[in-house]
């Protein structure tokens, strides 16, 4: 019997697949949402195919999903990680998405245990820090990391910037070739106590807040940044470097599977 026309030929290499976690939001009805700007650089710079992952723990088979993904990106979000996840105190005005918390922490844990790479942006960095046993500081003082004017247009939030120093010989410094960078800053939470086993990749010059970290606990890459590299990926060497590192990690995962198959094992 002739193979179906849609079956991929073994000689044609496939793009790695990265899962991108959605958020639970409500318009006129409950929806799963993720900003399109997170997806574009994953395709254009990382060279990956994107699979959106719903933040609905009740519908996901985590183990089956891990088998199908070469990596995972935990994106930024309008919501905060629940204080219950790291022993913090609740505030009445906390914008929470506890179903996202559940999916992010469990799926990231399963991916890391399986040697898959996991990346974080903004809320994603905070989720990974909590996963590794760290805690978060809330309502960061001084206004260095956010703007208080709620009337500003969305784009203006990303114009708020500050200086960051990259760790010498770190992943980001090596990928970009620079140590000093200006990043956007749109967050009210940040790292308080760094999680166990995480290596600092960047700190804010003004107050020493940890702005990026990395790890490789089970063979896969863990890398997260507090700022939004997807916003300036076309112009910033560090932000392009972040997405190139994602691509390298994903391709390394795919190549590790292809070589044994090619040898008949």
Protein backbone atom coordinates (compact mmCIF):
# COMPACT_ATOMS: atom_id res chain seq x y z
CA UNK A 1 0.00 0.00 0.00
CA UNK A 2 1.26 3.47 -0.86
CA UNK A 3 1.92 5.68 2.16
CA UNK A 4 -0.55 8.54 2.62
CA UNK A 5 0.55 11.73 0.88
CA UNK A 6 0.65 13.66 4.15
CA UNK A 7 3.19 11.37 5.82
CA UNK A 8 6.53 13.16 6.19
CA UNK A 9 9.49 11.62 4.39
CA UNK A 10 12.33 10.64 6.77
CA UNK A 11 14.83 12.56 4.63
CA UNK A 12 13.05 15.88 5.21
CA UNK A 13 14.12 17.42 8.54
CA UNK A 14 11.29 18.80 10.63
CA UNK A 15 11.30 21.97 12.69
CA UNK A 16 11.45 21.48 16.45
CA UNK A 17 8.18 22.03 18.28
CA UNK A 18 7.94 24.43 21.21
CA UNK A 19 4.90 24.69 23.43
CA UNK A 20 3.77 28.20 24.38
CA UNK A 21 1.56 28.43 27.45
CA UNK A 22 -1.66 30.41 27.19
CA UNK A 23 -3.49 32.39 29.87
CA UNK A 24 -7.09 32.27 31.06
CA UNK A 25 -8.87 35.52 30.24
CA UNK A 26 -12.46 36.63 29.86
CA UNK A 27 -13.90 38.86 27.15
CA UNK A 28 -17.58 38.20 26.64
CA UNK A 29 -16.70 34.57 27.41
CA UNK A 30 -13.75 32.60 28.89
CA UNK A 31 -10.89 32.30 26.39
CA UNK A 32 -7.33 31.01 26.09
CA UNK A 33 -5.01 33.83 25.09
CA UNK A 34 -1.39 34.47 24.20
CA UNK A 35 0.01 37.61 22.58
CA UNK A 36 1.05 37.02 18.97
CA UNK A 37 4.31 38.88 19.57
CA UNK A 38 5.61 35.89 21.57
CA UNK A 39 5.06 33.57 18.62
CA UNK A 40 6.72 35.53 15.80
CA UNK A 41 10.36 35.44 17.06
CA UNK A 42 10.05 31.75 17.93
CA UNK A 43 9.39 31.09 14.25
CA UNK A 44 11.55 33.81 12.70
CA UNK A 45 14.62 33.69 15.00
CA UNK A 46 14.40 30.33 16.84
CA UNK A 47 13.26 28.40 13.76
CA UNK A 48 10.57 26.52 15.67
CA UNK A 49 7.00 25.43 15.12
CA UNK A 50 4.73 26.74 17.87
CA UNK A 51 2.06 24.69 19.63
CA UNK A 52 -0.24 26.64 21.94
CA UNK A 53 -0.85 24.92 25.28
CA UNK A 54 -4.11 25.73 27.10
CA UNK A 55 -3.82 26.73 30.75
CA UNK A 56 -6.51 24.20 31.67
CA UNK A 57 -5.07 21.46 33.90
CA UNK A 58 -8.27 19.41 33.70
CA UNK A 59 -7.90 18.79 29.93
CA UNK A 60 -4.17 18.12 29.63
CA UNK A 61 -2.33 14.80 29.61
CA UNK A 62 1.00 16.16 30.84
CA UNK A 63 3.08 13.08 30.03
CA UNK A 64 1.68 12.81 26.50
CA UNK A 65 2.35 16.51 25.95
CA UNK A 66 5.95 16.23 27.15
CA UNK A 67 6.55 13.46 24.60
CA UNK A 68 5.41 15.75 21.78
CA UNK A 69 7.32 18.90 22.74
CA UNK A 70 10.99 19.69 22.21
CA UNK A 71 10.75 22.72 24.51
CA UNK A 72 8.40 25.01 26.40
CA UNK A 73 8.07 28.78 26.72
CA UNK A 74 6.27 30.30 29.71
CA UNK A 75 5.21 33.76 28.54
CA UNK A 76 4.47 37.01 30.24
CA UNK A 77 0.93 37.67 31.41
CA UNK A 78 -1.39 40.24 32.96
CA UNK A 79 -1.74 37.95 35.99
CA UNK A 80 0.63 37.24 38.89
CA UNK A 81 1.78 33.92 40.32
CA UNK A 82 -0.44 33.08 43.29
CA UNK A 83 1.27 33.87 46.63
CA UNK A 84 0.08 30.46 47.85
CA UNK A 85 2.73 28.92 45.59
CA UNK A 86 5.64 30.49 47.50
CA UNK A 87 4.28 31.28 50.95
CA UNK A 88 3.41 34.92 50.27
CA UNK A 89 0.45 36.96 51.48
CA UNK A 90 -2.61 37.58 49.34
CA UNK A 91 -3.57 41.12 48.37
CA UNK A 92 -7.14 41.95 47.46
CA UNK A 93 -6.10 43.49 44.15
CA UNK A 94 -3.96 40.52 43.04
CA UNK A 95 -4.74 39.58 39.41
CA UNK A 96 -4.42 35.79 39.59
CA UNK A 97 -4.67 32.90 37.14
CA UNK A 98 -4.36 29.84 39.36
CA UNK A 99 -5.11 27.36 36.60
CA UNK A 100 -2.15 28.77 34.66
CA UNK A 101 -0.05 28.37 37.84
CA UNK A 102 -1.04 24.71 37.99
CA UNK A 103 -0.19 23.98 34.34
CA UNK A 104 2.99 26.07 34.26
CA UNK A 105 4.56 24.55 37.34
CA UNK A 106 3.62 20.93 36.64
CA UNK A 107 4.34 20.97 32.90
CA UNK A 108 7.66 22.78 33.38
CA UNK A 109 8.64 20.28 36.06
CA UNK A 110 7.80 17.31 33.82
CA UNK A 111 9.64 18.85 30.86
CA UNK A 112 12.77 19.51 32.92
CA UNK A 113 12.71 16.01 34.40
CA UNK A 114 12.54 14.62 30.85
CA UNK A 115 15.58 16.64 29.77
CA UNK A 116 13.57 19.10 27.66
CA UNK A 117 14.41 22.81 27.58
CA UNK A 118 12.16 25.34 29.32
CA UNK A 119 12.27 29.11 28.87
CA UNK A 120 10.57 31.98 30.67
CA UNK A 121 9.68 35.59 29.97
CA UNK A 122 8.47 37.93 32.74
CA UNK A 123 5.79 35.88 34.55
CA UNK A 124 7.53 32.83 33.13
CA UNK A 125 10.75 33.74 34.97
CA UNK A 126 8.76 34.14 38.16
CA UNK A 127 7.04 30.77 37.69
CA UNK A 128 10.37 29.02 37.15
CA UNK A 129 11.91 30.70 40.19
CA UNK A 130 9.01 29.42 42.30
CA UNK A 131 9.34 25.96 40.75
CA UNK A 132 12.98 25.86 41.91
CA UNK A 133 11.96 26.82 45.45
CA UNK A 134 12.44 30.59 45.23
CA UNK A 135 10.16 33.40 46.34
CA UNK A 136 8.87 36.62 44.79
CA UNK A 137 8.84 40.24 45.89
CA UNK A 138 5.67 42.17 45.11
CA UNK A 139 4.96 45.83 44.40
CA UNK A 140 8.61 46.62 43.72
CA UNK A 141 9.47 50.06 45.15
CA UNK A 142 10.83 53.10 43.41
CA UNK A 143 9.09 52.78 40.06
CA UNK A 144 12.24 51.47 38.36
CA UNK A 145 10.50 48.41 36.96
CA UNK A 146 7.04 49.68 36.03
CA UNK A 147 4.98 52.75 35.23
CA UNK A 148 2.14 53.72 37.52
CA UNK A 149 0.10 55.69 34.99
CA UNK A 150 -2.76 53.35 34.06
CA UNK A 151 -3.94 55.76 31.34
CA UNK A 152 -0.87 55.14 29.17
CA UNK A 153 -1.38 53.28 25.87
CA UNK A 154 -0.19 49.68 25.83
CA UNK A 155 2.91 50.39 23.71
CA UNK A 156 4.10 53.06 26.14
CA UNK A 157 4.52 50.47 28.89
CA UNK A 158 7.41 48.92 26.95
CA UNK A 159 9.14 52.28 26.56
CA UNK A 160 9.95 52.24 30.29
CA UNK A 161 13.57 51.04 30.47
CA UNK A 162 16.55 50.56 32.76
CA UNK A 163 20.11 49.29 32.58
CA UNK A 164 21.06 45.65 33.16
CA UNK A 165 24.47 44.02 33.50
CA UNK A 166 24.89 40.52 32.07
CA UNK A 167 26.99 37.97 33.93
CA UNK A 168 30.45 37.53 32.49
CA UNK A 169 30.68 34.29 30.46
CA UNK A 170 26.95 33.74 31.02
CA UNK A 171 24.61 32.33 28.39
CA UNK A 172 23.19 35.72 27.38
CA UNK A 173 26.52 37.55 27.37
CA UNK A 174 28.11 34.82 25.27
CA UNK A 175 25.22 34.74 22.80
CA UNK A 176 25.13 38.52 22.34
CA UNK A 177 28.77 39.50 22.82
CA UNK A 178 27.88 42.33 25.21
CA UNK A 179 27.67 42.83 28.99
CA UNK A 180 25.65 46.03 29.36
CA UNK A 181 22.14 46.40 27.94
CA UNK A 182 19.06 48.59 28.27
CA UNK A 183 15.89 46.52 28.69
CA UNK A 184 12.19 47.32 28.87
CA UNK A 185 10.58 46.96 32.28
CA UNK A 186 6.84 46.42 32.76
CA UNK A 187 6.56 44.25 35.88
CA UNK A 188 5.48 44.84 39.49
CA UNK A 189 6.80 41.52 40.84
CA UNK A 190 10.31 40.16 40.79
CA UNK A 191 12.65 37.65 42.38
CA UNK A 192 13.09 37.91 46.14
CA UNK A 193 14.96 34.68 46.98
CA UNK A 194 16.55 32.93 44.01
CA UNK A 195 15.56 29.31 43.52
CA UNK A 196 17.99 26.49 44.31
CA UNK A 197 20.37 25.55 41.51
CA UNK A 198 19.70 28.66 39.40
CA UNK A 199 22.62 30.73 38.10
CA UNK A 200 22.24 34.51 37.82
CA UNK A 201 22.49 35.71 34.22
CA UNK A 202 21.69 39.41 34.69
CA UNK A 203 21.00 41.99 37.41
CA UNK A 204 19.48 45.48 37.31
CA UNK A 205 22.06 48.23 37.77
CA UNK A 206 19.84 50.47 39.90
CA UNK A 207 18.68 48.06 42.61
CA UNK A 208 20.39 44.71 41.96
CA UNK A 209 17.15 42.88 41.14
CA UNK A 210 17.84 39.55 39.41
CA UNK A 211 16.74 39.99 35.80
CA UNK A 212 17.69 36.62 34.29
CA UNK A 213 18.86 33.16 35.31
CA UNK A 214 19.83 29.83 33.79
CA UNK A 215 20.25 26.19 34.77
CA UNK A 216 20.58 22.73 33.22
CA UNK A 217 19.50 20.34 35.99
CA UNK A 218 18.59 17.31 33.86
CA UNK A 219 20.42 18.01 30.61
CA UNK A 220 17.92 20.42 29.09
CA UNK A 221 18.38 24.20 29.06
CA UNK A 222 16.49 26.40 31.53
CA UNK A 223 16.76 30.11 30.71
CA UNK A 224 14.49 32.97 31.76
CA UNK A 225 14.48 36.78 31.62
CA UNK A 226 12.38 39.33 33.50
CA UNK A 227 12.07 41.77 30.59
CA UNK A 228 10.27 41.24 27.26
CA UNK A 229 12.77 40.18 24.54
CA UNK A 230 9.93 39.52 22.11
CA UNK A 231 9.26 43.28 22.00
CA UNK A 232 12.75 44.24 20.75
CA UNK A 233 13.88 40.99 19.15
CA UNK A 234 14.55 42.67 15.81
CA UNK A 235 16.82 45.40 17.17
CA UNK A 236 18.45 44.20 20.41
CA UNK A 237 21.45 41.85 20.23
CA UNK A 238 20.63 40.40 23.68
CA UNK A 239 16.99 39.80 22.79
CA UNK A 240 17.94 38.16 19.49
CA UNK A 241 20.48 36.10 21.42
CA UNK A 242 17.74 34.88 23.78
CA UNK A 243 15.69 33.51 20.88
CA UNK A 244 18.77 32.08 19.17
CA UNK A 245 19.57 30.18 22.36
CA UNK A 246 16.05 28.79 22.29
CA UNK A 247 16.58 27.62 18.71
CA UNK A 248 19.92 26.01 19.53
CA UNK A 249 18.46 24.12 22.48
CA UNK A 250 15.49 22.89 20.46
CA UNK A 251 17.61 21.78 17.52
CA UNK A 252 19.97 19.98 19.87
CA UNK A 253 17.01 18.04 21.21
CA UNK A 254 15.80 17.08 17.71
CA UNK A 255 19.29 16.10 16.52
CA UNK A 256 19.80 13.94 19.61
CA UNK A 257 16.78 11.89 18.54
CA UNK A 258 17.56 11.77 14.82
CA UNK A 259 21.14 10.43 15.11
CA UNK A 260 20.22 7.18 16.95
CA UNK A 261 17.38 6.58 14.47
CA UNK A 262 19.73 7.08 11.53
CA UNK A 263 22.05 4.46 12.99
CA UNK A 264 19.24 1.96 13.31
CA UNK A 265 19.04 1.92 17.14
